[in-house]
């Protein structure tokens, strides 16, 4: 009897041990599965929307503030003229630059032309084996996707405003390890800006209409454009103040009701052709003749070298020109 009882006790203990072993195995398996799932989720979270970057590894390589690649080892492509000028001022060598009718710095004389900024030749870009492409963040998502398809790190800068320009210079200076040059460049902007503020201090704000022309069509520019931002910074009042977006269709009745003191004309593609179309518009459309700006001959065609779609290194000089246009009796 005692032997039977002892046998049952031993058998029960063995079953318990087996059960515990299976439970521990299941717990370990569940833990491993949970860890794998979490790792996968973290990798997924590392991927960001293509406001410029792909996954976390590309982001870490391409858009961190201090690059691990020595400047001399970089193979940099700049996708716009404004970016080329900024990188040149920072002493960053480039292997690829956009094809443009504008004069480019001497430092990129031997650089490969990659085509139009909005539709560059991807085969040429790939052949250059770049370590990074520096682009403006206003580029289409489609173009950013093409960069990603080539597995080329991209850094996207904001050149849609004066502040964006200065922030981009600082960011690029940090990225390429040329902080001192970037700081000096931004300080020069700040100094000129302070001088302009003194010139317009106490003066009455003139009202301004900015007309944007391209391929014979015209739009009115808001404060959300680069030129609109500059106009605001020199103390002038855009008659479209507070309106959302960058451009709105020209509504003659609305604009005539605002009756601006000055009309500034900015051109995009084919500036000479756009300017000629603008002049014909003024000559053939009698509605313009009722504007005080036209009557008082205060219609000004802006130099495309200073006043473009994107901010550039001539921003301070552009503001000086605006002060001369808008505050000279």
C-alpha atoms as a PDB file:
ATOM      1  CA  UNK A   1       0.000   0.000   0.000  1.00  0.00           C
ATOM      2  CA  UNK A   2       2.788   2.329   0.953  1.00  0.00           C
ATOM      3  CA  UNK A   3       4.597   1.466  -2.287  1.00  0.00           C
ATOM      4  CA  UNK A   4       1.473   2.359  -4.316  1.00  0.00           C
ATOM      5  CA  UNK A   5       1.116   5.672  -2.541  1.00  0.00           C
ATOM      6  CA  UNK A   6       4.816   6.432  -3.108  1.00  0.00           C
ATOM      7  CA  UNK A   7       4.472   5.529  -6.815  1.00  0.00           C
ATOM      8  CA  UNK A   8       1.497   7.867  -7.230  1.00  0.00           C
ATOM      9  CA  UNK A   9       3.369  10.726  -5.567  1.00  0.00           C
ATOM     10  CA  UNK A  10       6.397  10.274  -7.835  1.00  0.00           C
ATOM     11  CA  UNK A  11       4.166  10.017 -10.945  1.00  0.00           C
ATOM     12  CA  UNK A  12       2.292  13.214  -9.968  1.00  0.00           C
ATOM     13  CA  UNK A  13       5.574  15.107  -9.466  1.00  0.00           C
ATOM     14  CA  UNK A  14       6.819  13.997 -12.882  1.00  0.00           C
ATOM     15  CA  UNK A  15       3.620  15.241 -14.566  1.00  0.00           C
ATOM     16  CA  UNK A  16       3.928  18.586 -12.808  1.00  0.00           C
ATOM     17  CA  UNK A  17       7.548  18.921 -13.911  1.00  0.00           C
ATOM     18  CA  UNK A  18       6.627  18.181 -17.548  1.00  0.00           C
ATOM     19  CA  UNK A  19       3.756  20.685 -17.386  1.00  0.00           C
ATOM     20  CA  UNK A  20       6.030  23.390 -16.001  1.00  0.00           C
ATOM     21  CA  UNK A  21       8.605  22.671 -18.685  1.00  0.00           C
ATOM     22  CA  UNK A  22       5.999  23.061 -21.455  1.00  0.00           C
ATOM     23  CA  UNK A  23       4.689  26.269 -19.877  1.00  0.00           C
ATOM     24  CA  UNK A  24       8.211  27.706 -19.717  1.00  0.00           C
ATOM     25  CA  UNK A  25       8.816  26.729 -23.353  1.00  0.00           C
ATOM     26  CA  UNK A  26       5.559  28.461 -24.386  1.00  0.00           C
ATOM     27  CA  UNK A  27       6.470  31.556 -22.345  1.00  0.00           C
ATOM     28  CA  UNK A  28       9.891  31.727 -24.004  1.00  0.00           C
ATOM     29  CA  UNK A  29       8.328  31.277 -27.439  1.00  0.00           C
ATOM     30  CA  UNK A  30       5.756  33.983 -26.751  1.00  0.00           C
ATOM     31  CA  UNK A  31       8.517  36.306 -25.532  1.00  0.00           C
ATOM     32  CA  UNK A  32      10.573  35.656 -28.667  1.00  0.00           C
ATOM     33  CA  UNK A  33       7.554  36.230 -30.904  1.00  0.00           C
ATOM     34  CA  UNK A  34       6.680  39.430 -29.035  1.00  0.00           C
ATOM     35  CA  UNK A  35      10.245  40.703 -29.373  1.00  0.00           C
ATOM     36  CA  UNK A  36      10.288  39.932 -33.095  1.00  0.00           C
ATOM     37  CA  UNK A  37       6.951  41.696 -33.589  1.00  0.00           C
ATOM     38  CA  UNK A  38       8.139  44.740 -31.660  1.00  0.00           C
ATOM     39  CA  UNK A  39      11.345  44.869 -33.690  1.00  0.00           C
ATOM     40  CA  UNK A  40       9.304  44.732 -36.891  1.00  0.00           C
ATOM     41  CA  UNK A  41       7.026  47.523 -35.689  1.00  0.00           C
ATOM     42  CA  UNK A  42      10.036  49.660 -34.787  1.00  0.00           C
ATOM     43  CA  UNK A  43      11.447  49.140 -38.261  1.00  0.00           C
ATOM     44  CA  UNK A  44       8.106  50.112 -39.762  1.00  0.00           C
ATOM     45  CA  UNK A  45       7.906  53.199 -37.558  1.00  0.00           C
ATOM     46  CA  UNK A  46      11.395  54.089 -38.742  1.00  0.00           C
ATOM     47  CA  UNK A  47      10.006  54.599 -42.230  1.00  0.00           C
ATOM     48  CA  UNK A  48       8.723  58.099 -42.809  1.00  0.00           C
ATOM     49  CA  UNK A  49       6.596  59.680 -45.493  1.00  0.00           C
ATOM     50  CA  UNK A  50       8.570  60.905 -48.453  1.00  0.00           C
ATOM     51  CA  UNK A  51       8.717  64.505 -47.489  1.00  0.00           C
ATOM     52  CA  UNK A  52      12.228  63.622 -48.477  1.00  0.00           C
ATOM     53  CA  UNK A  53      13.429  60.427 -46.783  1.00  0.00           C
ATOM     54  CA  UNK A  54      12.900  56.680 -46.980  1.00  0.00           C
ATOM     55  CA  UNK A  55      13.627  54.382 -44.036  1.00  0.00           C
ATOM     56  CA  UNK A  56      15.434  55.115 -40.775  1.00  0.00           C
ATOM     57  CA  UNK A  57      18.865  53.995 -42.062  1.00  0.00           C
ATOM     58  CA  UNK A  58      18.646  56.332 -45.073  1.00  0.00           C
ATOM     59  CA  UNK A  59      17.364  59.134 -42.867  1.00  0.00           C
ATOM     60  CA  UNK A  60      20.259  58.620 -40.473  1.00  0.00           C
ATOM     61  CA  UNK A  61      22.780  58.653 -43.314  1.00  0.00           C
ATOM     62  CA  UNK A  62      21.341  61.484 -45.390  1.00  0.00           C
ATOM     63  CA  UNK A  63      19.638  63.987 -43.150  1.00  0.00           C
ATOM     64  CA  UNK A  64      21.329  63.989 -39.783  1.00  0.00           C
ATOM     65  CA  UNK A  65      22.879  67.266 -38.742  1.00  0.00           C
ATOM     66  CA  UNK A  66      26.494  66.078 -38.876  1.00  0.00           C
ATOM     67  CA  UNK A  67      27.468  63.775 -41.727  1.00  0.00           C
ATOM     68  CA  UNK A  68      29.832  60.852 -41.068  1.00  0.00           C
ATOM     69  CA  UNK A  69      31.289  61.320 -44.546  1.00  0.00           C
ATOM     70  CA  UNK A  70      34.265  63.659 -44.840  1.00  0.00           C
ATOM     71  CA  UNK A  71      33.560  66.656 -47.066  1.00  0.00           C
ATOM     72  CA  UNK A  72      36.348  65.649 -49.451  1.00  0.00           C
ATOM     73  CA  UNK A  73      34.718  62.223 -49.856  1.00  0.00           C
ATOM     74  CA  UNK A  74      31.252  63.548 -50.622  1.00  0.00           C
ATOM     75  CA  UNK A  75      29.819  63.395 -54.127  1.00  0.00           C
ATOM     76  CA  UNK A  76      27.154  66.078 -53.991  1.00  0.00           C
ATOM     77  CA  UNK A  77      24.446  66.855 -56.541  1.00  0.00           C
ATOM     78  CA  UNK A  78      22.528  70.136 -56.270  1.00  0.00           C
ATOM     79  CA  UNK A  79      19.153  70.098 -57.993  1.00  0.00           C
ATOM     80  CA  UNK A  80      18.472  73.846 -58.226  1.00  0.00           C
ATOM     81  CA  UNK A  81      20.430  76.992 -59.039  1.00  0.00           C
ATOM     82  CA  UNK A  82      19.755  78.500 -55.600  1.00  0.00           C
ATOM     83  CA  UNK A  83      21.124  75.372 -53.913  1.00  0.00           C
ATOM     84  CA  UNK A  84      24.210  75.472 -56.142  1.00  0.00           C
ATOM     85  CA  UNK A  85      24.908  79.065 -55.081  1.00  0.00           C
ATOM     86  CA  UNK A  86      24.503  78.268 -51.381  1.00  0.00           C
ATOM     87  CA  UNK A  87      26.786  75.224 -51.525  1.00  0.00           C
ATOM     88  CA  UNK A  88      29.355  77.218 -53.490  1.00  0.00           C
ATOM     89  CA  UNK A  89      29.345  79.931 -50.810  1.00  0.00           C
ATOM     90  CA  UNK A  90      29.874  77.228 -48.164  1.00  0.00           C
ATOM     91  CA  UNK A  91      32.776  75.727 -50.095  1.00  0.00           C
ATOM     92  CA  UNK A  92      31.008  72.422 -50.803  1.00  0.00           C
ATOM     93  CA  UNK A  93      32.201  70.779 -54.077  1.00  0.00           C
ATOM     94  CA  UNK A  94      29.541  69.417 -56.441  1.00  0.00           C
ATOM     95  CA  UNK A  95      29.681  66.685 -59.085  1.00  0.00           C
ATOM     96  CA  UNK A  96      26.247  67.462 -60.545  1.00  0.00           C
ATOM     97  CA  UNK A  97      24.246  70.655 -61.072  1.00  0.00           C
ATOM     98  CA  UNK A  98      21.069  71.592 -62.972  1.00  0.00           C
ATOM     99  CA  UNK A  99      21.099  72.696 -66.581  1.00  0.00           C
ATOM    100  CA  UNK A 100      20.170  76.376 -66.529  1.00  0.00           C
ATOM    101  CA  UNK A 101      20.235  79.571 -68.558  1.00  0.00           C
ATOM    102  CA  UNK A 102      21.429  81.370 -65.423  1.00  0.00           C
ATOM    103  CA  UNK A 103      25.148  81.814 -64.817  1.00  0.00           C
ATOM    104  CA  UNK A 104      26.505  79.278 -62.344  1.00  0.00           C
ATOM    105  CA  UNK A 105      29.565  79.699 -60.108  1.00  0.00           C
ATOM    106  CA  UNK A 106      32.981  78.955 -61.575  1.00  0.00           C
ATOM    107  CA  UNK A 107      33.476  76.183 -59.035  1.00  0.00           C
ATOM    108  CA  UNK A 108      30.942  73.991 -60.868  1.00  0.00           C
ATOM    109  CA  UNK A 109      32.323  74.628 -64.339  1.00  0.00           C
ATOM    110  CA  UNK A 110      33.347  70.971 -64.676  1.00  0.00           C
ATOM    111  CA  UNK A 111      30.298  69.540 -62.895  1.00  0.00           C
ATOM    112  CA  UNK A 112      27.941  67.317 -64.879  1.00  0.00           C
ATOM    113  CA  UNK A 113      24.659  68.936 -65.964  1.00  0.00           C
ATOM    114  CA  UNK A 114      21.718  66.815 -64.832  1.00  0.00           C
ATOM    115  CA  UNK A 115      18.935  68.543 -66.776  1.00  0.00           C
ATOM    116  CA  UNK A 116      15.962  70.680 -65.796  1.00  0.00           C
ATOM    117  CA  UNK A 117      15.538  71.080 -61.995  1.00  0.00           C
ATOM    118  CA  UNK A 118      11.955  69.760 -62.132  1.00  0.00           C
ATOM    119  CA  UNK A 119      12.723  66.830 -64.442  1.00  0.00           C
ATOM    120  CA  UNK A 120      16.400  65.883 -64.153  1.00  0.00           C
ATOM    121  CA  UNK A 121      17.934  62.965 -66.014  1.00  0.00           C
ATOM    122  CA  UNK A 122      17.884  60.102 -63.515  1.00  0.00           C
ATOM    123  CA  UNK A 123      20.346  58.024 -65.551  1.00  0.00           C
ATOM    124  CA  UNK A 124      22.896  60.831 -65.401  1.00  0.00           C
ATOM    125  CA  UNK A 125      22.277  61.243 -61.681  1.00  0.00           C
ATOM    126  CA  UNK A 126      22.780  57.523 -61.029  1.00  0.00           C
ATOM    127  CA  UNK A 127      25.976  57.458 -63.114  1.00  0.00           C
ATOM    128  CA  UNK A 128      27.517  60.117 -60.875  1.00  0.00           C
ATOM    129  CA  UNK A 129      27.164  57.833 -57.831  1.00  0.00           C
ATOM    130  CA  UNK A 130      26.280  60.710 -55.488  1.00  0.00           C
ATOM    131  CA  UNK A 131      26.492  60.440 -51.713  1.00  0.00           C
ATOM    132  CA  UNK A 132      23.620  62.925 -51.390  1.00  0.00           C
ATOM    133  CA  UNK A 133      21.270  65.072 -53.476  1.00  0.00           C
ATOM    134  CA  UNK A 134      20.416  68.491 -52.061  1.00  0.00           C
ATOM    135  CA  UNK A 135      16.978  69.632 -53.219  1.00  0.00           C
ATOM    136  CA  UNK A 136      14.314  72.166 -52.345  1.00  0.00           C
ATOM    137  CA  UNK A 137      11.335  70.816 -50.435  1.00  0.00           C
ATOM    138  CA  UNK A 138       8.912  72.239 -52.973  1.00  0.00           C
ATOM    139  CA  UNK A 139       9.876  69.513 -55.444  1.00  0.00           C
ATOM    140  CA  UNK A 140       7.102  67.142 -56.419  1.00  0.00           C
ATOM    141  CA  UNK A 141       6.614  63.936 -54.453  1.00  0.00           C
ATOM    142  CA  UNK A 142       7.138  62.060 -57.694  1.00  0.00           C
ATOM    143  CA  UNK A 143      10.678  63.420 -58.006  1.00  0.00           C
ATOM    144  CA  UNK A 144      11.463  62.565 -54.398  1.00  0.00           C
ATOM    145  CA  UNK A 145      10.215  59.036 -55.037  1.00  0.00           C
ATOM    146  CA  UNK A 146      12.573  58.741 -58.000  1.00  0.00           C
ATOM    147  CA  UNK A 147      15.524  59.699 -55.804  1.00  0.00           C
ATOM    148  CA  UNK A 148      14.494  57.024 -53.351  1.00  0.00           C
ATOM    149  CA  UNK A 149      14.170  54.444 -56.124  1.00  0.00           C
ATOM    150  CA  UNK A 150      17.847  55.065 -56.927  1.00  0.00           C
ATOM    151  CA  UNK A 151      18.617  54.599 -53.211  1.00  0.00           C
ATOM    152  CA  UNK A 152      20.305  57.980 -53.108  1.00  0.00           C
ATOM    153  CA  UNK A 153      20.093  59.897 -49.810  1.00  0.00           C
ATOM    154  CA  UNK A 154      18.328  63.231 -50.187  1.00  0.00           C
ATOM    155  CA  UNK A 155      18.410  66.345 -48.040  1.00  0.00           C
ATOM    156  CA  UNK A 156      15.576  68.785 -48.674  1.00  0.00           C
ATOM    157  CA  UNK A 157      15.823  72.462 -47.736  1.00  0.00           C
ATOM    158  CA  UNK A 158      13.202  75.189 -47.453  1.00  0.00           C
ATOM    159  CA  UNK A 159      13.838  78.128 -49.790  1.00  0.00           C
ATOM    160  CA  UNK A 160      10.274  79.426 -49.909  1.00  0.00           C
ATOM    161  CA  UNK A 161      10.984  82.306 -47.522  1.00  0.00           C
ATOM    162  CA  UNK A 162      13.757  84.524 -46.216  1.00  0.00           C
ATOM    163  CA  UNK A 163      13.831  82.745 -42.840  1.00  0.00           C
ATOM    164  CA  UNK A 164      13.824  79.405 -44.650  1.00  0.00           C
ATOM    165  CA  UNK A 165      16.916  80.522 -46.573  1.00  0.00           C
ATOM    166  CA  UNK A 166      18.841  81.331 -43.400  1.00  0.00           C
ATOM    167  CA  UNK A 167      17.745  78.109 -41.717  1.00  0.00           C
ATOM    168  CA  UNK A 168      18.819  76.132 -44.794  1.00  0.00           C
ATOM    169  CA  UNK A 169      22.265  77.724 -44.777  1.00  0.00           C
ATOM    170  CA  UNK A 170      22.681  76.811 -41.111  1.00  0.00           C
ATOM    171  CA  UNK A 171      21.439  73.258 -41.689  1.00  0.00           C
ATOM    172  CA  UNK A 172      23.731  72.672 -44.675  1.00  0.00           C
ATOM    173  CA  UNK A 173      26.663  74.148 -42.784  1.00  0.00           C
ATOM    174  CA  UNK A 174      26.127  71.633 -39.989  1.00  0.00           C
ATOM    175  CA  UNK A 175      25.572  68.735 -42.399  1.00  0.00           C
ATOM    176  CA  UNK A 176      28.835  69.288 -44.264  1.00  0.00           C
ATOM    177  CA  UNK A 177      30.868  70.388 -41.236  1.00  0.00           C
ATOM    178  CA  UNK A 178      31.357  73.990 -42.396  1.00  0.00           C
ATOM    179  CA  UNK A 179      29.505  75.698 -39.550  1.00  0.00           C
ATOM    180  CA  UNK A 180      31.823  78.706 -39.403  1.00  0.00           C
ATOM    181  CA  UNK A 181      31.162  79.646 -43.023  1.00  0.00           C
ATOM    182  CA  UNK A 182      27.427  79.202 -42.531  1.00  0.00           C
ATOM    183  CA  UNK A 183      27.390  81.330 -39.371  1.00  0.00           C
ATOM    184  CA  UNK A 184      29.321  84.099 -41.105  1.00  0.00           C
ATOM    185  CA  UNK A 185      26.955  84.048 -44.072  1.00  0.00           C
ATOM    186  CA  UNK A 186      23.838  84.242 -41.890  1.00  0.00           C
ATOM    187  CA  UNK A 187      25.406  87.033 -39.798  1.00  0.00           C
ATOM    188  CA  UNK A 188      25.916  89.084 -42.959  1.00  0.00           C
ATOM    189  CA  UNK A 189      22.213  88.701 -43.753  1.00  0.00           C
ATOM    190  CA  UNK A 190      21.245  89.763 -40.239  1.00  0.00           C
ATOM    191  CA  UNK A 191      23.467  92.837 -40.426  1.00  0.00           C
ATOM    192  CA  UNK A 192      22.013  93.993 -43.748  1.00  0.00           C
ATOM    193  CA  UNK A 193      18.496  93.310 -42.524  1.00  0.00           C
ATOM    194  CA  UNK A 194      19.081  95.501 -39.453  1.00  0.00           C
ATOM    195  CA  UNK A 195      20.343  98.317 -41.663  1.00  0.00           C
ATOM    196  CA  UNK A 196      17.248  98.153 -43.855  1.00  0.00           C
ATOM    197  CA  UNK A 197      14.985  98.227 -40.799  1.00  0.00           C
ATOM    198  CA  UNK A 198      16.543 101.555 -39.817  1.00  0.00           C
ATOM    199  CA  UNK A 199      15.958 102.984 -43.298  1.00  0.00           C
ATOM    200  CA  UNK A 200      12.219 102.293 -43.263  1.00  0.00           C
ATOM    201  CA  UNK A 201      11.641 102.992 -39.593  1.00  0.00           C
ATOM    202  CA  UNK A 202       8.758 105.447 -39.150  1.00  0.00           C
ATOM    203  CA  UNK A 203       7.794 105.493 -42.812  1.00  0.00           C
ATOM    204  CA  UNK A 204       4.242 104.823 -43.978  1.00  0.00           C
ATOM    205  CA  UNK A 205       3.658 101.386 -45.458  1.00  0.00           C
ATOM    206  CA  UNK A 206       2.883 101.526 -49.190  1.00  0.00           C
ATOM    207  CA  UNK A 207       0.238  99.155 -50.600  1.00  0.00           C
ATOM    208  CA  UNK A 208       1.494  96.666 -53.164  1.00  0.00           C
ATOM    209  CA  UNK A 209       0.104  94.233 -55.738  1.00  0.00           C
ATOM    210  CA  UNK A 210       2.477  91.524 -56.962  1.00  0.00           C
ATOM    211  CA  UNK A 211       1.668  90.064 -60.368  1.00  0.00           C
ATOM    212  CA  UNK A 212       3.293  86.782 -61.358  1.00  0.00           C
ATOM    213  CA  UNK A 213       3.579  86.008 -65.054  1.00  0.00           C
ATOM    214  CA  UNK A 214       4.505  82.809 -66.868  1.00  0.00           C
ATOM    215  CA  UNK A 215       3.797  81.767 -70.446  1.00  0.00           C
ATOM    216  CA  UNK A 216       1.372  84.617 -71.019  1.00  0.00           C
ATOM    217  CA  UNK A 217      -0.840  83.912 -67.999  1.00  0.00           C
ATOM    218  CA  UNK A 218      -1.001  86.028 -64.851  1.00  0.00           C
ATOM    219  CA  UNK A 219      -1.670  85.405 -61.169  1.00  0.00           C
ATOM    220  CA  UNK A 220      -1.586  87.623 -58.084  1.00  0.00           C
ATOM    221  CA  UNK A 221       1.033  86.637 -55.493  1.00  0.00           C
ATOM    222  CA  UNK A 222       0.248  86.457 -51.779  1.00  0.00           C
ATOM    223  CA  UNK A 223       2.514  86.806 -48.747  1.00  0.00           C
ATOM    224  CA  UNK A 224       3.024  83.061 -49.008  1.00  0.00           C
ATOM    225  CA  UNK A 225       5.435  83.486 -51.923  1.00  0.00           C
ATOM    226  CA  UNK A 226       9.129  84.299 -51.583  1.00  0.00           C
ATOM    227  CA  UNK A 227       8.724  87.745 -53.169  1.00  0.00           C
ATOM    228  CA  UNK A 228       5.608  88.323 -51.068  1.00  0.00           C
ATOM    229  CA  UNK A 229       7.665  87.529 -47.992  1.00  0.00           C
ATOM    230  CA  UNK A 230      10.340  90.054 -48.989  1.00  0.00           C
ATOM    231  CA  UNK A 231       7.712  92.747 -49.621  1.00  0.00           C
ATOM    232  CA  UNK A 232       6.305  92.168 -46.145  1.00  0.00           C
ATOM    233  CA  UNK A 233       9.770  92.303 -44.582  1.00  0.00           C
ATOM    234  CA  UNK A 234      10.435  95.771 -45.955  1.00  0.00           C
ATOM    235  CA  UNK A 235       7.252  97.041 -44.357  1.00  0.00           C
ATOM    236  CA  UNK A 236       4.986  97.181 -47.409  1.00  0.00           C
ATOM    237  CA  UNK A 237       1.370  95.996 -47.306  1.00  0.00           C
ATOM    238  CA  UNK A 238       0.387  93.318 -49.817  1.00  0.00           C
ATOM    239  CA  UNK A 239      -3.226  93.968 -50.831  1.00  0.00           C
ATOM    240  CA  UNK A 240      -3.755  90.190 -50.569  1.00  0.00           C
ATOM    241  CA  UNK A 241      -2.683  90.188 -46.931  1.00  0.00           C
ATOM    242  CA  UNK A 242      -4.102  87.261 -44.980  1.00  0.00           C
ATOM    243  CA  UNK A 243      -5.055  85.197 -48.030  1.00  0.00           C
ATOM    244  CA  UNK A 244      -4.121  81.525 -48.056  1.00  0.00           C
ATOM    245  CA  UNK A 245      -2.022  79.855 -50.708  1.00  0.00           C
ATOM    246  CA  UNK A 246       0.715  81.318 -52.869  1.00  0.00           C
ATOM    247  CA  UNK A 247      -1.135  82.627 -55.931  1.00  0.00           C
ATOM    248  CA  UNK A 248      -4.724  83.511 -56.797  1.00  0.00           C
ATOM    249  CA  UNK A 249      -6.370  84.250 -60.159  1.00  0.00           C
ATOM    250  CA  UNK A 250      -6.432  87.882 -61.226  1.00  0.00           C
ATOM    251  CA  UNK A 251      -9.841  89.387 -60.434  1.00  0.00           C
ATOM    252  CA  UNK A 252      -9.798  92.875 -61.926  1.00  0.00           C
ATOM    253  CA  UNK A 253     -12.815  94.133 -59.983  1.00  0.00           C
ATOM    254  CA  UNK A 254     -11.359  92.963 -56.672  1.00  0.00           C
ATOM    255  CA  UNK A 255      -7.892  94.331 -57.418  1.00  0.00           C
ATOM    256  CA  UNK A 256      -9.258  97.671 -58.634  1.00  0.00           C
ATOM    257  CA  UNK A 257     -11.212  98.017 -55.418  1.00  0.00           C
ATOM    258  CA  UNK A 258      -7.955  97.574 -53.454  1.00  0.00           C
ATOM    259  CA  UNK A 259      -6.231 100.059 -55.801  1.00  0.00           C
ATOM    260  CA  UNK A 260      -2.569  99.459 -54.818  1.00  0.00           C
ATOM    261  CA  UNK A 261       0.009 102.254 -54.875  1.00  0.00           C
ATOM    262  CA  UNK A 262       2.564  99.980 -56.531  1.00  0.00           C
ATOM    263  CA  UNK A 263       2.370  97.030 -58.905  1.00  0.00           C
ATOM    264  CA  UNK A 264       5.377  94.700 -58.943  1.00  0.00           C
ATOM    265  CA  UNK A 265       5.702  92.222 -61.789  1.00  0.00           C
ATOM    266  CA  UNK A 266       7.702  89.020 -61.361  1.00  0.00           C
ATOM    267  CA  UNK A 267       8.348  86.520 -64.150  1.00  0.00           C
ATOM    268  CA  UNK A 268       9.185  82.837 -64.000  1.00  0.00           C
ATOM    269  CA  UNK A 269      10.010  80.998 -67.226  1.00  0.00           C
ATOM    270  CA  UNK A 270      11.180  83.058 -70.226  1.00  0.00           C
ATOM    271  CA  UNK A 271      11.286  86.388 -68.330  1.00  0.00           C
ATOM    272  CA  UNK A 272      11.628  88.569 -71.438  1.00  0.00           C
ATOM    273  CA  UNK A 273       8.669  86.880 -73.092  1.00  0.00           C
ATOM    274  CA  UNK A 274       6.609  87.152 -69.888  1.00  0.00           C
ATOM    275  CA  UNK A 275       7.472  90.822 -69.481  1.00  0.00           C
ATOM    276  CA  UNK A 276       6.441  91.590 -73.049  1.00  0.00           C
ATOM    277  CA  UNK A 277       3.132  89.780 -72.522  1.00  0.00           C
ATOM    278  CA  UNK A 278       2.625  91.799 -69.334  1.00  0.00           C
ATOM    279  CA  UNK A 279       3.183  95.083 -71.174  1.00  0.00           C
ATOM    280  CA  UNK A 280       0.691  94.099 -73.850  1.00  0.00           C
ATOM    281  CA  UNK A 281      -1.819  93.215 -71.140  1.00  0.00           C
ATOM    282  CA  UNK A 282      -1.520  96.718 -69.711  1.00  0.00           C
ATOM    283  CA  UNK A 283      -1.849  98.313 -73.128  1.00  0.00           C
ATOM    284  CA  UNK A 284      -4.850  96.286 -74.300  1.00  0.00           C
ATOM    285  CA  UNK A 285      -6.811  95.908 -71.057  1.00  0.00           C
ATOM    286  CA  UNK A 286      -8.213  99.352 -70.226  1.00  0.00           C
ATOM    287  CA  UNK A 287      -9.168  98.233 -66.728  1.00  0.00           C
ATOM    288  CA  UNK A 288      -5.537  98.598 -65.671  1.00  0.00           C
ATOM    289  CA  UNK A 289      -5.564 102.269 -66.608  1.00  0.00           C
ATOM    290  CA  UNK A 290      -7.805 103.016 -63.607  1.00  0.00           C
ATOM    291  CA  UNK A 291      -5.179 101.866 -61.102  1.00  0.00           C
ATOM    292  CA  UNK A 292      -3.284 104.609 -59.272  1.00  0.00           C
ATOM    293  CA  UNK A 293      -0.086 102.605 -59.695  1.00  0.00           C
ATOM    294  CA  UNK A 294      -0.478 102.807 -63.485  1.00  0.00           C
ATOM    295  CA  UNK A 295      -1.504 106.458 -63.489  1.00  0.00           C
ATOM    296  CA  UNK A 296       1.486 107.390 -61.329  1.00  0.00           C
ATOM    297  CA  UNK A 297       3.886 105.163 -63.278  1.00  0.00           C
ATOM    298  CA  UNK A 298       4.622 102.965 -60.301  1.00  0.00           C
ATOM    299  CA  UNK A 299       4.567  99.656 -62.144  1.00  0.00           C
ATOM    300  CA  UNK A 300       7.916  97.909 -61.673  1.00  0.00           C
ATOM    301  CA  UNK A 301       9.298  94.855 -63.448  1.00  0.00           C
ATOM    302  CA  UNK A 302      11.437  92.913 -60.987  1.00  0.00           C
ATOM    303  CA  UNK A 303      14.835  91.572 -61.992  1.00  0.00           C
ATOM    304  CA  UNK A 304      14.572  87.766 -62.116  1.00  0.00           C
ATOM    305  CA  UNK A 305      18.128  87.461 -60.824  1.00  0.00           C
ATOM    306  CA  UNK A 306      17.016  88.919 -57.493  1.00  0.00           C
ATOM    307  CA  UNK A 307      13.334  88.007 -57.439  1.00  0.00           C
ATOM    308  CA  UNK A 308      12.671  84.378 -58.294  1.00  0.00           C
ATOM    309  CA  UNK A 309      10.441  81.579 -57.111  1.00  0.00           C
ATOM    310  CA  UNK A 310      12.977  80.462 -54.512  1.00  0.00           C
ATOM    311  CA  UNK A 311      15.105  82.385 -52.042  1.00  0.00           C
ATOM    312  CA  UNK A 312      18.732  82.867 -52.995  1.00  0.00           C
ATOM    313  CA  UNK A 313      21.902  84.542 -51.742  1.00  0.00           C
ATOM    314  CA  UNK A 314      20.801  87.888 -53.212  1.00  0.00           C
ATOM    315  CA  UNK A 315      17.905  88.123 -50.749  1.00  0.00           C
ATOM    316  CA  UNK A 316      19.376  91.052 -48.806  1.00  0.00           C
ATOM    317  CA  UNK A 317      20.152  92.947 -52.026  1.00  0.00           C
ATOM    318  CA  UNK A 318      16.622  92.187 -53.239  1.00  0.00           C
ATOM    319  CA  UNK A 319      15.192  93.825 -50.122  1.00  0.00           C
ATOM    320  CA  UNK A 320      17.442  96.849 -50.683  1.00  0.00           C
ATOM    321  CA  UNK A 321      16.007  97.168 -54.176  1.00  0.00           C
ATOM    322  CA  UNK A 322      12.462  96.975 -52.815  1.00  0.00           C
ATOM    323  CA  UNK A 323      13.202  99.742 -50.325  1.00  0.00           C
ATOM    324  CA  UNK A 324      14.472 101.848 -53.214  1.00  0.00           C
ATOM    325  CA  UNK A 325      11.377 101.134 -55.300  1.00  0.00           C
ATOM    326  CA  UNK A 326       8.758 101.616 -52.600  1.00  0.00           C
ATOM    327  CA  UNK A 327      10.094 104.431 -50.452  1.00  0.00           C
ATOM    328  CA  UNK A 328      11.604 106.804 -53.000  1.00  0.00           C
ATOM    329  CA  UNK A 329       9.493 109.907 -53.591  1.00  0.00           C
END
